[in-house]
């Protein structure tokens, strides 16, 4: 069972996703409770390889309201991602290429644990984004015509 927590729609628009990786994430208890309450925003989240570890930046998990001041977390702190060593080395070599980055694609539940899906993305130009939009419009029109034809 994998229930979606949040998806990053901007990543598909702004990047060509070359590869996808699943990673665990190191969270505090109040962060998990905030995620269960739906107080999360991953639209600007990305990962960075630092040394032999991968950290997630820009993931906004709002503080849990009923927790005390001592137990609560900061909203946009860097969070460590849990990956195998060979995966970290692959990500480090992929991000060494100019124009490649690691956007966060989605966050979901898997066996009662929070997992994240990272993508190795190469940035799209403005013309690439327009071509994708044209393809979507053509596909939508073709599906409408097929539906109209099948109605008869």
N, C-alpha and C. Protein backbone atom coordinates (compact mmCIF):
# COMPACT_ATOMS: atom_id res chain seq x y z
N UNK A 1 0.84 -1.18 0.00
CA UNK A 1 0.00 0.00 0.00
C UNK A 1 0.88 1.24 0.00
N UNK A 2 0.73 2.07 -1.00
CA UNK A 2 1.50 3.31 -1.02
C UNK A 2 0.53 4.46 -1.28
N UNK A 3 0.26 5.21 -0.23
CA UNK A 3 -0.66 6.34 -0.34
C UNK A 3 0.14 7.61 -0.56
N UNK A 4 -0.30 8.39 -1.50
CA UNK A 4 0.37 9.66 -1.82
C UNK A 4 0.20 10.65 -0.68
N UNK A 5 1.28 11.30 -0.34
CA UNK A 5 1.23 12.41 0.62
C UNK A 5 1.22 13.71 -0.16
N UNK A 6 2.21 13.87 -1.07
CA UNK A 6 2.30 15.08 -1.87
C UNK A 6 3.05 14.77 -3.16
N UNK A 7 2.71 15.51 -4.22
CA UNK A 7 3.43 15.38 -5.49
C UNK A 7 3.93 16.75 -5.91
N UNK A 8 5.02 16.75 -6.65
CA UNK A 8 5.63 17.98 -7.13
C UNK A 8 5.34 18.10 -8.62
N UNK A 9 4.32 18.84 -8.98
CA UNK A 9 3.94 19.00 -10.39
C UNK A 9 4.91 19.89 -11.14
N UNK A 10 5.55 20.80 -10.43
CA UNK A 10 6.51 21.70 -11.07
C UNK A 10 7.72 20.94 -11.60
N UNK A 11 8.08 19.84 -10.97
CA UNK A 11 9.26 19.08 -11.40
C UNK A 11 9.07 18.51 -12.79
N UNK A 12 7.89 18.00 -13.09
CA UNK A 12 7.61 17.47 -14.42
C UNK A 12 7.58 18.55 -15.48
N UNK A 13 7.21 19.75 -15.09
CA UNK A 13 7.16 20.86 -16.04
C UNK A 13 8.55 21.44 -16.29
N UNK A 14 9.38 21.49 -15.26
CA UNK A 14 10.65 22.18 -15.37
C UNK A 14 11.84 21.28 -15.71
N UNK A 15 11.69 19.95 -15.60
CA UNK A 15 12.81 19.05 -15.80
C UNK A 15 12.45 17.88 -16.70
N UNK A 16 13.44 17.39 -17.46
CA UNK A 16 13.36 16.09 -18.11
C UNK A 16 13.86 15.10 -17.06
N UNK A 17 13.02 14.20 -16.61
CA UNK A 17 13.41 13.25 -15.57
C UNK A 17 14.09 12.06 -16.25
N UNK A 18 15.37 11.86 -15.93
CA UNK A 18 16.16 10.80 -16.54
C UNK A 18 16.09 9.50 -15.75
N UNK A 19 16.18 9.57 -14.43
CA UNK A 19 16.11 8.40 -13.56
C UNK A 19 15.32 8.75 -12.31
N UNK A 20 14.79 7.70 -11.65
CA UNK A 20 14.06 7.90 -10.41
C UNK A 20 14.66 7.00 -9.33
N UNK A 21 14.71 7.52 -8.11
CA UNK A 21 15.23 6.79 -6.97
C UNK A 21 14.26 6.91 -5.81
N UNK A 22 14.10 5.82 -5.06
CA UNK A 22 13.30 5.82 -3.85
C UNK A 22 14.23 5.91 -2.66
N UNK A 23 13.90 6.78 -1.72
CA UNK A 23 14.74 6.95 -0.54
C UNK A 23 13.87 7.10 0.70
N UNK A 24 14.42 6.69 1.82
CA UNK A 24 13.80 6.95 3.10
C UNK A 24 14.18 8.35 3.54
N UNK A 25 13.51 8.85 4.53
CA UNK A 25 13.80 10.20 5.02
C UNK A 25 13.83 10.17 6.55
N UNK A 26 14.79 10.87 7.11
CA UNK A 26 14.95 10.93 8.56
C UNK A 26 14.09 12.07 9.09
N UNK A 27 13.06 11.73 9.88
CA UNK A 27 12.12 12.71 10.39
C UNK A 27 12.02 12.64 11.90
N UNK A 28 11.56 13.74 12.51
CA UNK A 28 11.24 13.76 13.93
C UNK A 28 9.77 13.37 14.08
N UNK A 29 9.37 13.06 15.31
CA UNK A 29 8.00 12.62 15.56
C UNK A 29 6.97 13.67 15.22
N UNK A 30 7.26 14.93 15.53
CA UNK A 30 6.28 15.98 15.24
C UNK A 30 6.16 16.21 13.73
N UNK A 31 7.24 15.94 12.98
CA UNK A 31 7.16 16.08 11.52
C UNK A 31 6.24 15.02 10.93
N UNK A 32 6.30 13.82 11.45
CA UNK A 32 5.42 12.75 10.96
C UNK A 32 3.96 13.10 11.25
N UNK A 33 3.71 13.64 12.43
CA UNK A 33 2.33 14.02 12.78
C UNK A 33 1.83 15.15 11.89
N UNK A 34 2.72 16.09 11.54
CA UNK A 34 2.33 17.17 10.63
C UNK A 34 2.06 16.63 9.22
N UNK A 35 2.85 15.66 8.80
CA UNK A 35 2.63 15.04 7.48
C UNK A 35 1.29 14.33 7.46
N UNK A 36 0.96 13.62 8.53
CA UNK A 36 -0.35 12.96 8.61
C UNK A 36 -1.49 13.96 8.54
N UNK A 37 -1.27 15.16 9.08
CA UNK A 37 -2.29 16.21 9.05
C UNK A 37 -2.32 16.93 7.70
N UNK A 38 -1.36 16.64 6.79
CA UNK A 38 -1.35 17.25 5.47
C UNK A 38 -0.69 18.61 5.40
N UNK A 39 0.11 18.96 6.38
CA UNK A 39 0.75 20.29 6.41
C UNK A 39 2.15 20.21 5.81
N UNK A 40 2.21 19.97 4.49
CA UNK A 40 3.49 19.80 3.81
C UNK A 40 3.43 20.45 2.44
N UNK A 41 4.57 21.00 1.99
CA UNK A 41 4.70 21.61 0.67
C UNK A 41 6.06 21.20 0.10
N UNK A 42 6.05 20.51 -1.04
CA UNK A 42 7.31 20.04 -1.64
C UNK A 42 7.57 20.67 -2.99
N UNK A 43 6.93 21.77 -3.30
CA UNK A 43 7.04 22.34 -4.64
C UNK A 43 8.45 22.86 -4.95
N UNK A 44 9.20 23.29 -3.94
CA UNK A 44 10.55 23.81 -4.17
C UNK A 44 11.63 22.88 -3.62
N UNK A 45 11.29 21.64 -3.32
CA UNK A 45 12.22 20.73 -2.67
C UNK A 45 13.21 20.12 -3.67
N UNK A 46 14.45 20.01 -3.23
CA UNK A 46 15.49 19.38 -4.04
C UNK A 46 16.49 18.72 -3.10
N UNK A 47 17.28 17.81 -3.64
CA UNK A 47 18.29 17.10 -2.85
C UNK A 47 19.67 17.52 -3.31
N UNK A 48 20.62 17.39 -2.40
CA UNK A 48 22.01 17.72 -2.71
C UNK A 48 22.90 16.67 -2.05
N UNK A 49 23.91 16.20 -2.77
CA UNK A 49 24.87 15.24 -2.24
C UNK A 49 25.99 16.04 -1.57
N UNK A 50 26.20 15.75 -0.28
CA UNK A 50 27.25 16.43 0.48
C UNK A 50 28.09 15.35 1.16
N UNK A 51 29.30 15.17 0.67
CA UNK A 51 30.16 14.13 1.22
C UNK A 51 29.61 12.76 0.84
N UNK A 52 29.33 11.94 1.83
CA UNK A 52 28.77 10.61 1.59
C UNK A 52 27.31 10.54 2.00
N UNK A 53 26.64 11.69 2.07
CA UNK A 53 25.24 11.72 2.46
C UNK A 53 24.44 12.60 1.50
N UNK A 54 23.14 12.36 1.48
CA UNK A 54 22.23 13.16 0.65
C UNK A 54 21.26 13.88 1.58
N UNK A 55 21.11 15.19 1.36
CA UNK A 55 20.21 15.99 2.18
C UNK A 55 19.11 16.60 1.32
N UNK A 56 17.92 16.72 1.90
CA UNK A 56 16.77 17.30 1.23
C UNK A 56 16.58 18.73 1.73
N UNK A 57 16.52 19.67 0.80
CA UNK A 57 16.35 21.08 1.12
C UNK A 57 15.03 21.59 0.54
N UNK A 58 14.45 22.59 1.17
CA UNK A 58 13.27 23.25 0.63
C UNK A 58 11.96 22.53 0.89
N UNK A 59 11.98 21.44 1.59
CA UNK A 59 10.75 20.72 1.93
C UNK A 59 10.14 21.40 3.15
N UNK A 60 8.95 21.94 3.00
CA UNK A 60 8.31 22.73 4.05
C UNK A 60 7.29 21.88 4.79
N UNK A 61 7.65 21.44 5.99
CA UNK A 61 6.74 20.70 6.86
C UNK A 61 6.41 21.63 8.03
N UNK A 62 5.18 22.08 8.09
CA UNK A 62 4.78 23.05 9.11
C UNK A 62 4.84 22.42 10.50
N UNK A 63 5.16 23.22 11.52
CA UNK A 63 5.20 22.69 12.89
C UNK A 63 3.84 22.17 13.34
N UNK A 64 3.87 21.14 14.13
CA UNK A 64 2.65 20.54 14.65
C UNK A 64 2.10 21.44 15.74
N UNK A 65 0.83 21.79 15.66
CA UNK A 65 0.26 22.83 16.51
C UNK A 65 0.21 22.46 17.99
N UNK A 66 -0.10 21.24 18.32
CA UNK A 66 -0.30 20.89 19.73
C UNK A 66 0.99 20.52 20.44
N UNK A 67 2.11 20.47 19.74
CA UNK A 67 3.39 20.16 20.40
C UNK A 67 3.91 21.38 21.14
N UNK A 68 4.67 21.14 22.18
CA UNK A 68 5.25 22.23 22.94
C UNK A 68 6.43 22.83 22.18
N UNK A 69 6.91 23.93 22.71
CA UNK A 69 8.00 24.66 22.06
C UNK A 69 9.29 23.82 22.00
N UNK A 70 9.51 23.00 23.01
CA UNK A 70 10.74 22.21 23.08
C UNK A 70 10.75 21.05 22.10
N UNK A 71 9.59 20.47 21.82
CA UNK A 71 9.53 19.26 21.02
C UNK A 71 9.30 19.52 19.54
N UNK A 72 8.93 20.73 19.18
CA UNK A 72 8.59 21.03 17.80
C UNK A 72 9.84 21.18 16.94
N UNK A 73 9.65 21.16 15.64
CA UNK A 73 10.75 21.22 14.67
C UNK A 73 10.66 22.53 13.88
N UNK A 74 11.75 22.88 13.20
CA UNK A 74 11.72 24.03 12.30
C UNK A 74 11.18 23.58 10.95
N UNK A 75 10.49 24.46 10.27
CA UNK A 75 9.74 24.07 9.07
C UNK A 75 10.62 23.67 7.89
N UNK A 76 11.66 24.41 7.60
CA UNK A 76 12.46 24.16 6.40
C UNK A 76 13.87 23.70 6.71
N UNK A 77 14.04 22.85 7.69
CA UNK A 77 15.37 22.38 8.01
C UNK A 77 15.82 21.33 6.99
N UNK A 78 17.13 21.18 6.76
CA UNK A 78 17.59 20.11 5.86
C UNK A 78 17.37 18.75 6.52
N UNK A 79 16.87 17.81 5.74
CA UNK A 79 16.58 16.48 6.25
C UNK A 79 17.43 15.45 5.50
N UNK A 80 17.99 14.50 6.24
CA UNK A 80 18.86 13.50 5.63
C UNK A 80 18.02 12.43 4.94
N UNK A 81 18.46 12.04 3.75
CA UNK A 81 17.81 10.97 3.01
C UNK A 81 18.60 9.68 3.20
N UNK A 82 17.89 8.58 3.26
CA UNK A 82 18.50 7.28 3.55
C UNK A 82 18.59 6.49 2.25
N UNK A 83 19.82 6.35 1.75
CA UNK A 83 20.09 5.63 0.50
C UNK A 83 21.27 4.70 0.70
N UNK A 84 21.40 3.71 -0.18
CA UNK A 84 22.57 2.85 -0.17
C UNK A 84 23.78 3.62 -0.72
N UNK A 85 24.96 3.17 -0.36
CA UNK A 85 26.18 3.87 -0.75
C UNK A 85 26.34 3.94 -2.26
N UNK A 86 26.03 2.84 -2.96
CA UNK A 86 26.17 2.84 -4.42
C UNK A 86 25.18 3.79 -5.08
N UNK A 87 23.98 3.95 -4.48
CA UNK A 87 23.02 4.91 -5.01
C UNK A 87 23.51 6.34 -4.79
N UNK A 88 24.12 6.60 -3.65
CA UNK A 88 24.66 7.93 -3.37
C UNK A 88 25.77 8.26 -4.36
N UNK A 89 26.62 7.29 -4.67
CA UNK A 89 27.69 7.51 -5.64
C UNK A 89 27.13 7.78 -7.04
N UNK A 90 26.07 7.06 -7.42
CA UNK A 90 25.42 7.30 -8.72
C UNK A 90 24.84 8.72 -8.78
N UNK A 91 24.18 9.12 -7.68
CA UNK A 91 23.59 10.47 -7.64
C UNK A 91 24.67 11.54 -7.69
N UNK A 92 25.79 11.30 -7.02
CA UNK A 92 26.89 12.27 -7.03
C UNK A 92 27.46 12.42 -8.43
N UNK A 93 27.63 11.32 -9.15
CA UNK A 93 28.16 11.41 -10.51
C UNK A 93 27.14 12.03 -11.45
N UNK A 94 25.84 11.79 -11.22
CA UNK A 94 24.81 12.37 -12.08
C UNK A 94 24.71 13.88 -11.89
N UNK A 95 24.86 14.35 -10.66
CA UNK A 95 24.74 15.79 -10.42
C UNK A 95 26.02 16.54 -10.79
N UNK A 96 27.10 15.81 -11.02
CA UNK A 96 28.34 16.47 -11.45
C UNK A 96 28.22 16.98 -12.88
N UNK A 97 27.30 16.41 -13.65
CA UNK A 97 27.05 16.85 -15.02
C UNK A 97 26.35 18.21 -14.97
N UNK A 98 26.77 19.12 -15.83
CA UNK A 98 26.20 20.47 -15.83
C UNK A 98 24.72 20.41 -16.25
N UNK A 99 23.88 21.09 -15.51
CA UNK A 99 22.46 21.17 -15.83
C UNK A 99 21.62 20.11 -15.16
N UNK A 100 22.22 19.16 -14.45
CA UNK A 100 21.46 18.12 -13.77
C UNK A 100 21.27 18.44 -12.30
N UNK A 101 20.11 18.14 -11.78
CA UNK A 101 19.83 18.34 -10.37
C UNK A 101 18.93 17.21 -9.87
N UNK A 102 18.61 17.24 -8.59
CA UNK A 102 17.82 16.19 -7.96
C UNK A 102 16.53 16.76 -7.38
N UNK A 103 15.50 16.98 -8.21
CA UNK A 103 14.23 17.48 -7.65
C UNK A 103 13.47 16.36 -6.95
N UNK A 104 12.70 16.74 -5.94
CA UNK A 104 11.83 15.80 -5.25
C UNK A 104 10.56 15.66 -6.06
N UNK A 105 10.22 14.44 -6.47
CA UNK A 105 9.05 14.21 -7.31
C UNK A 105 7.78 13.98 -6.50
N UNK A 106 7.87 13.12 -5.50
CA UNK A 106 6.70 12.86 -4.68
C UNK A 106 7.10 12.30 -3.33
N UNK A 107 6.16 12.34 -2.39
CA UNK A 107 6.34 11.79 -1.06
C UNK A 107 5.14 10.90 -0.80
N UNK A 108 5.37 9.71 -0.24
CA UNK A 108 4.29 8.76 -0.06
C UNK A 108 4.57 7.84 1.13
N UNK A 109 3.52 7.12 1.54
CA UNK A 109 3.62 6.14 2.61
C UNK A 109 3.91 4.78 2.00
N UNK A 110 4.83 4.04 2.61
CA UNK A 110 5.12 2.67 2.18
C UNK A 110 5.41 1.86 3.44
N UNK A 111 4.55 0.91 3.75
CA UNK A 111 4.68 0.09 4.96
C UNK A 111 4.83 0.95 6.21
N UNK A 112 3.95 1.92 6.36
CA UNK A 112 3.89 2.82 7.51
C UNK A 112 5.13 3.68 7.67
N UNK A 113 5.90 3.85 6.61
CA UNK A 113 7.06 4.72 6.63
C UNK A 113 6.93 5.76 5.52
N UNK A 114 7.52 6.91 5.73
CA UNK A 114 7.48 7.96 4.72
C UNK A 114 8.65 7.74 3.76
N UNK A 115 8.35 7.68 2.48
CA UNK A 115 9.37 7.52 1.45
C UNK A 115 9.28 8.72 0.50
N UNK A 116 10.41 9.04 -0.13
CA UNK A 116 10.44 10.11 -1.12
C UNK A 116 10.95 9.53 -2.43
N UNK A 117 10.52 10.11 -3.52
CA UNK A 117 10.98 9.72 -4.85
C UNK A 117 11.75 10.89 -5.44
N UNK A 118 13.04 10.66 -5.65
CA UNK A 118 13.91 11.66 -6.25
C UNK A 118 14.05 11.38 -7.73
N UNK A 119 14.23 12.42 -8.50
CA UNK A 119 14.49 12.26 -9.92
C UNK A 119 15.78 12.95 -10.30
N UNK A 120 16.54 12.32 -11.18
CA UNK A 120 17.70 12.99 -11.76
C UNK A 120 17.15 13.77 -12.94
N UNK A 121 17.13 15.09 -12.83
CA UNK A 121 16.49 15.91 -13.84
C UNK A 121 17.43 16.85 -14.54
N UNK A 122 17.20 17.00 -15.83
CA UNK A 122 17.94 17.97 -16.63
C UNK A 122 16.96 19.07 -16.97
N UNK A 123 17.34 20.31 -16.73
CA UNK A 123 16.43 21.44 -16.89
C UNK A 123 15.91 21.61 -18.30
N UNK A 124 14.63 21.93 -18.40
CA UNK A 124 14.00 22.19 -19.70
C UNK A 124 14.16 23.66 -20.05
N UNK A 125 14.27 23.92 -21.34
CA UNK A 125 14.26 25.29 -21.81
C UNK A 125 12.82 25.73 -22.03
N UNK A 126 12.63 27.00 -22.29
CA UNK A 126 11.28 27.52 -22.50
C UNK A 126 10.63 26.87 -23.72
N UNK A 127 11.41 26.63 -24.77
CA UNK A 127 10.84 26.01 -25.98
C UNK A 127 10.44 24.56 -25.72
N UNK A 128 11.20 23.84 -24.88
CA UNK A 128 10.82 22.48 -24.52
C UNK A 128 9.48 22.47 -23.79
N UNK A 129 9.28 23.43 -22.90
CA UNK A 129 8.03 23.50 -22.16
C UNK A 129 6.86 23.78 -23.10
N UNK A 130 7.08 24.63 -24.11
CA UNK A 130 6.00 24.92 -25.07
C UNK A 130 5.68 23.68 -25.92
N UNK A 131 6.72 22.92 -26.31
CA UNK A 131 6.47 21.70 -27.09
C UNK A 131 5.68 20.69 -26.29
N UNK A 132 6.00 20.54 -25.00
CA UNK A 132 5.24 19.63 -24.15
C UNK A 132 3.78 20.05 -24.04
N UNK A 133 3.55 21.34 -23.94
CA UNK A 133 2.18 21.85 -23.85
C UNK A 133 1.42 21.56 -25.14
N UNK A 134 2.08 21.74 -26.30
CA UNK A 134 1.44 21.44 -27.58
C UNK A 134 1.09 19.96 -27.69
N UNK A 135 1.99 19.08 -27.23
CA UNK A 135 1.72 17.65 -27.27
C UNK A 135 0.52 17.29 -26.40
N UNK A 136 0.42 17.91 -25.22
CA UNK A 136 -0.71 17.65 -24.34
C UNK A 136 -2.02 18.07 -24.99
N UNK A 137 -2.03 19.24 -25.64
CA UNK A 137 -3.24 19.74 -26.28
C UNK A 137 -3.64 18.81 -27.43
N UNK A 138 -2.67 18.37 -28.24
CA UNK A 138 -2.97 17.46 -29.35
C UNK A 138 -3.51 16.13 -28.85
N UNK A 139 -2.92 15.59 -27.78
CA UNK A 139 -3.39 14.33 -27.22
C UNK A 139 -4.80 14.47 -26.68
N UNK A 140 -5.08 15.57 -26.00
CA UNK A 140 -6.43 15.80 -25.46
C UNK A 140 -7.45 15.89 -26.58
N UNK A 141 -7.12 16.60 -27.67
CA UNK A 141 -8.05 16.72 -28.79
C UNK A 141 -8.27 15.37 -29.46
N UNK A 142 -7.23 14.57 -29.59
CA UNK A 142 -7.37 13.24 -30.18
C UNK A 142 -8.26 12.35 -29.32
N UNK A 143 -8.12 12.43 -28.00
CA UNK A 143 -8.96 11.63 -27.12
C UNK A 143 -10.42 12.07 -27.20
N UNK A 144 -10.65 13.36 -27.33
CA UNK A 144 -12.03 13.85 -27.48
C UNK A 144 -12.65 13.34 -28.77
N UNK A 145 -11.88 13.37 -29.86
CA UNK A 145 -12.40 12.87 -31.14
C UNK A 145 -12.70 11.38 -31.07
N UNK A 146 -11.83 10.62 -30.40
CA UNK A 146 -12.07 9.18 -30.26
C UNK A 146 -13.34 8.93 -29.43
N UNK A 147 -13.53 9.70 -28.37
CA UNK A 147 -14.72 9.55 -27.54
C UNK A 147 -15.97 9.91 -28.33
N UNK A 148 -15.89 10.97 -29.12
CA UNK A 148 -17.02 11.39 -29.93
C UNK A 148 -17.34 10.34 -31.00
N UNK A 149 -16.29 9.75 -31.58
CA UNK A 149 -16.48 8.72 -32.61
C UNK A 149 -17.10 7.46 -32.01
N UNK A 150 -16.67 7.08 -30.81
CA UNK A 150 -17.17 5.86 -30.16
C UNK A 150 -18.58 6.03 -29.62
N UNK A 151 -19.05 7.26 -29.42
CA UNK A 151 -20.40 7.51 -28.94
C UNK A 151 -21.44 7.13 -29.99
N UNK A 152 -21.07 7.29 -31.24
CA UNK A 152 -22.05 7.07 -32.32
C UNK A 152 -22.44 5.66 -32.47
